[in-house]
Protein backbone atom coordinates (compact mmCIF):
# COMPACT_ATOMS: atom_id res chain seq x y z
CA UNK A 1 116.41 80.10 145.46
CA UNK A 2 114.00 77.22 146.06
CA UNK A 3 113.30 74.85 143.21
CA UNK A 4 109.63 74.97 142.18
CA UNK A 5 107.53 72.04 143.32
CA UNK A 6 105.74 69.72 140.90
CA UNK A 7 102.47 71.35 141.97
CA UNK A 8 103.80 74.86 141.21
CA UNK A 9 105.08 73.72 137.81
CA UNK A 10 101.71 72.14 137.00
CA UNK A 11 99.88 75.30 138.09
CA UNK A 12 102.09 77.47 135.86
CA UNK A 13 101.60 75.08 132.92
CA UNK A 14 97.83 75.25 133.39
CA UNK A 15 97.92 79.04 133.48
CA UNK A 16 99.98 79.11 130.26
CA UNK A 17 97.53 76.68 128.66
CA UNK A 18 94.61 78.92 129.65
CA UNK A 19 96.32 82.05 128.27
CA UNK A 20 97.12 80.35 124.96
CA UNK A 21 93.66 78.81 124.65
CA UNK A 22 92.03 82.17 125.39
CA UNK A 23 94.29 83.80 122.78
CA UNK A 24 93.10 81.32 120.14
CA UNK A 25 89.42 81.69 121.04
CA UNK A 26 89.55 85.48 121.37
CA UNK A 27 91.28 85.62 117.97
CA UNK A 28 88.61 83.53 116.28
CA UNK A 29 85.42 84.34 118.24
CA UNK A 30 86.21 87.69 119.80
CA UNK A 31 86.37 88.72 123.44
CA UNK A 32 82.65 89.27 123.80
CA UNK A 33 81.77 86.06 121.96
CA UNK A 34 83.89 83.83 124.20
CA UNK A 35 82.71 82.60 127.58
CA UNK A 36 85.00 81.40 130.34
CA UNK A 37 83.37 77.98 130.03
CA UNK A 38 84.37 77.92 126.32
CA UNK A 39 88.00 78.49 127.31
CA UNK A 40 87.86 75.83 130.04
CA UNK A 41 86.34 73.30 127.65
CA UNK A 42 88.84 74.02 124.86
CA UNK A 43 91.72 73.77 127.37
CA UNK A 44 90.36 70.50 128.76
CA UNK A 45 90.00 71.79 132.31
CA UNK A 46 87.05 72.38 134.61
CA UNK A 47 85.32 75.75 134.63
CA UNK A 48 86.40 76.20 138.25
CA UNK A 49 90.05 75.73 137.30
CA UNK A 50 89.95 79.00 135.35
CA UNK A 51 88.89 80.82 138.51
CA UNK A 52 91.71 79.23 140.52
CA UNK A 53 94.05 81.29 138.33
CA UNK A 54 91.96 84.40 137.72
CA UNK A 55 89.42 85.96 140.09
CA UNK A 56 87.14 87.44 137.44
CA UNK A 57 86.53 87.29 133.71
CA UNK A 58 87.74 90.90 133.39
CA UNK A 59 90.99 90.04 135.19
CA UNK A 60 91.48 87.06 132.87
CA UNK A 61 90.89 89.11 129.72
CA UNK A 62 93.23 91.83 131.02
CA UNK A 63 95.93 89.21 131.67
CA UNK A 64 95.59 87.78 128.15
CA UNK A 65 95.67 91.25 126.57
CA UNK A 66 98.65 92.24 128.72
CA UNK A 67 100.52 89.04 127.86
CA UNK A 68 100.07 89.27 124.10
CA UNK A 69 100.32 93.07 123.78
CA UNK A 70 103.61 92.85 125.65
CA UNK A 71 104.73 90.25 123.12
CA UNK A 72 103.86 92.66 120.29
CA UNK A 73 105.70 95.51 122.03
CA UNK A 74 108.74 93.33 122.75
CA UNK A 75 108.77 92.03 119.18
CA UNK A 76 108.54 95.61 117.87
CA UNK A 77 111.40 96.54 120.19
CA UNK A 78 113.60 93.68 118.91
CA UNK A 79 112.78 94.30 115.27
CA UNK A 80 113.25 98.06 115.59
CA UNK A 81 116.62 97.99 117.36
CA UNK A 82 118.33 98.13 113.99
CA UNK A 83 115.86 100.61 112.49
CA UNK A 84 117.72 103.53 111.03
CA UNK A 85 114.73 105.07 109.31
CA UNK A 86 111.09 105.71 110.01
CA UNK A 87 110.14 103.31 107.24
CA UNK A 88 112.17 100.53 108.91
CA UNK A 89 110.44 101.16 112.23
CA UNK A 90 106.96 101.18 110.65
CA UNK A 91 107.78 97.94 108.90
CA UNK A 92 109.02 96.39 112.18
CA UNK A 93 105.82 97.47 113.94
CA UNK A 94 103.65 95.88 111.26
CA UNK A 95 105.73 92.69 111.35
CA UNK A 96 105.14 92.47 115.11
CA UNK A 97 101.40 93.00 114.74
CA UNK A 98 101.18 90.48 111.90
CA UNK A 99 102.33 87.68 114.22
CA UNK A 100 99.18 88.29 116.30
CA UNK A 101 96.99 89.92 113.67
CA UNK A 102 93.67 88.16 114.33
CA UNK A 103 93.93 88.77 118.08
CA UNK A 104 95.04 92.38 117.65
CA UNK A 105 92.22 93.04 115.17
CA UNK A 106 89.64 91.67 117.62
CA UNK A 107 91.12 93.89 120.31
CA UNK A 108 90.83 96.95 118.07
CA UNK A 109 87.24 96.08 117.10
CA UNK A 110 86.00 95.33 120.63
CA UNK A 111 88.23 97.68 122.63
CA UNK A 112 85.53 100.23 123.47
CA UNK A 113 83.26 97.48 124.84
CA UNK A 114 85.87 95.96 127.15
CA UNK A 115 86.62 96.92 130.73
CA UNK A 116 88.69 99.99 131.56
CA UNK A 117 91.42 97.69 132.90
CA UNK A 118 91.72 95.96 129.51
CA UNK A 119 91.66 99.26 127.65
CA UNK A 120 94.36 100.66 129.93
CA UNK A 121 96.50 97.59 129.29
CA UNK A 122 96.17 98.13 125.53
CA UNK A 123 97.11 101.81 125.91
CA UNK A 124 100.21 100.94 127.96
CA UNK A 125 101.38 98.54 125.24
CA UNK A 126 100.84 101.23 122.61
CA UNK A 127 102.86 103.66 124.75
CA UNK A 128 105.82 101.29 124.74
CA UNK A 129 105.72 101.21 120.95
CA UNK A 130 105.33 105.00 120.72
CA UNK A 131 108.62 105.37 122.60
CA UNK A 132 110.47 103.67 119.72
CA UNK A 133 108.55 105.81 117.26
CA UNK A 134 109.66 108.98 119.07
CA UNK A 135 113.30 107.86 119.15
CA UNK A 136 113.35 107.34 115.39
CA UNK A 137 111.59 110.67 114.82
CA UNK A 138 114.37 112.38 116.78
CA UNK A 139 116.73 111.41 113.95
CA UNK A 140 114.51 113.16 111.42
CA UNK A 141 113.54 116.81 111.39
CA UNK A 142 109.88 116.59 112.39
CA UNK A 143 109.88 119.70 114.56
CA UNK A 144 106.74 120.97 112.88
CA UNK A 145 104.81 117.90 114.07
CA UNK A 146 104.13 116.49 117.49
CA UNK A 147 105.56 112.93 117.75
CA UNK A 148 102.42 111.94 119.66
CA UNK A 149 100.20 113.20 116.84
CA UNK A 150 102.28 111.40 114.22
CA UNK A 151 102.12 108.16 116.21
CA UNK A 152 98.35 108.50 116.62
CA UNK A 153 98.01 109.07 112.88
CA UNK A 154 100.04 105.91 112.23
CA UNK A 155 98.02 103.83 114.70
CA UNK A 156 94.78 105.27 113.29
CA UNK A 157 95.82 104.26 109.79
CA UNK A 158 96.66 100.70 110.85
CA UNK A 159 93.46 100.37 112.85
CA UNK A 160 91.37 101.68 109.96
CA UNK A 161 92.75 98.98 107.68
CA UNK A 162 92.32 96.24 110.29
CA UNK A 163 88.76 97.33 111.14
CA UNK A 164 87.88 97.18 107.46
CA UNK A 165 89.84 94.07 106.60
CA UNK A 166 86.82 92.56 104.89
CA UNK A 167 87.02 95.41 102.35
CA UNK A 168 90.79 95.80 102.02
CA UNK A 169 91.89 92.16 102.15
CA UNK A 170 89.03 89.69 102.35
CA UNK A 171 90.19 86.21 103.37
CA UNK A 172 93.85 87.25 103.81
CA UNK A 173 96.14 89.16 106.13
CA UNK A 174 95.62 92.92 105.92
CA UNK A 175 99.18 93.48 107.09
CA UNK A 176 100.64 91.16 104.47
CA UNK A 177 98.56 92.78 101.73
CA UNK A 178 99.23 96.43 102.73
CA UNK A 179 102.51 96.49 104.66
CA UNK A 180 104.56 98.01 101.83
CA UNK A 181 101.84 100.49 100.86
CA UNK A 182 101.27 101.68 104.43
CA UNK A 183 104.94 102.07 105.35
CA UNK A 184 105.98 103.70 102.09
CA UNK A 185 103.01 106.06 101.91
CA UNK A 186 103.19 107.20 105.54
CA UNK A 187 106.95 107.79 105.51
CA UNK A 188 106.80 109.50 102.08
CA UNK A 189 104.03 111.84 103.17
CA UNK A 190 105.95 112.81 106.27
CA UNK A 191 109.16 113.42 104.32
CA UNK A 192 107.33 115.45 101.65
CA UNK A 193 105.67 117.59 104.30
CA UNK A 194 109.00 118.18 106.04
CA UNK A 195 110.59 119.25 102.75
CA UNK A 196 107.84 121.86 102.26
CA UNK A 197 108.52 123.45 105.65
């Protein structure tokens, strides 16, 4: 295999810089509140340099969402490998989100206003996480519930708290403030319902 040239290395470093800069700005200003020129300026590159790496703004946003949602999914995967219970898996999922909480929250808030490509990327990342969820549910008797419905309920609960972070945890991490409550309550409700069946 050929060794990358200095130019190729520099190009890859610039792309990584752009992705990380966009992540920071999207986390703090939102996707819709951040212009490509803002990212270029914060990264210390020309506006045209951004378009050397990404053809359109939508493609750039999709790449950033894909990159960081994959990190969340991979982190959930790593943390959940040793999960023996639903509560452990839920906790691992929240730990993975918490590492990117501001970005993830912005994505949840602005998702419906972003391009279909970005929304599809977000859904694919959620699907990867739902696979782990289903595997853990196989160990528990949840035959009276659809795993997809249970996963959607879990995601809906998390998203509700993140969307209303100003109410639930003003000026602090929603995940840090509610991780134990969310995991314990969700898993307890599921277990109680199963016991009634």
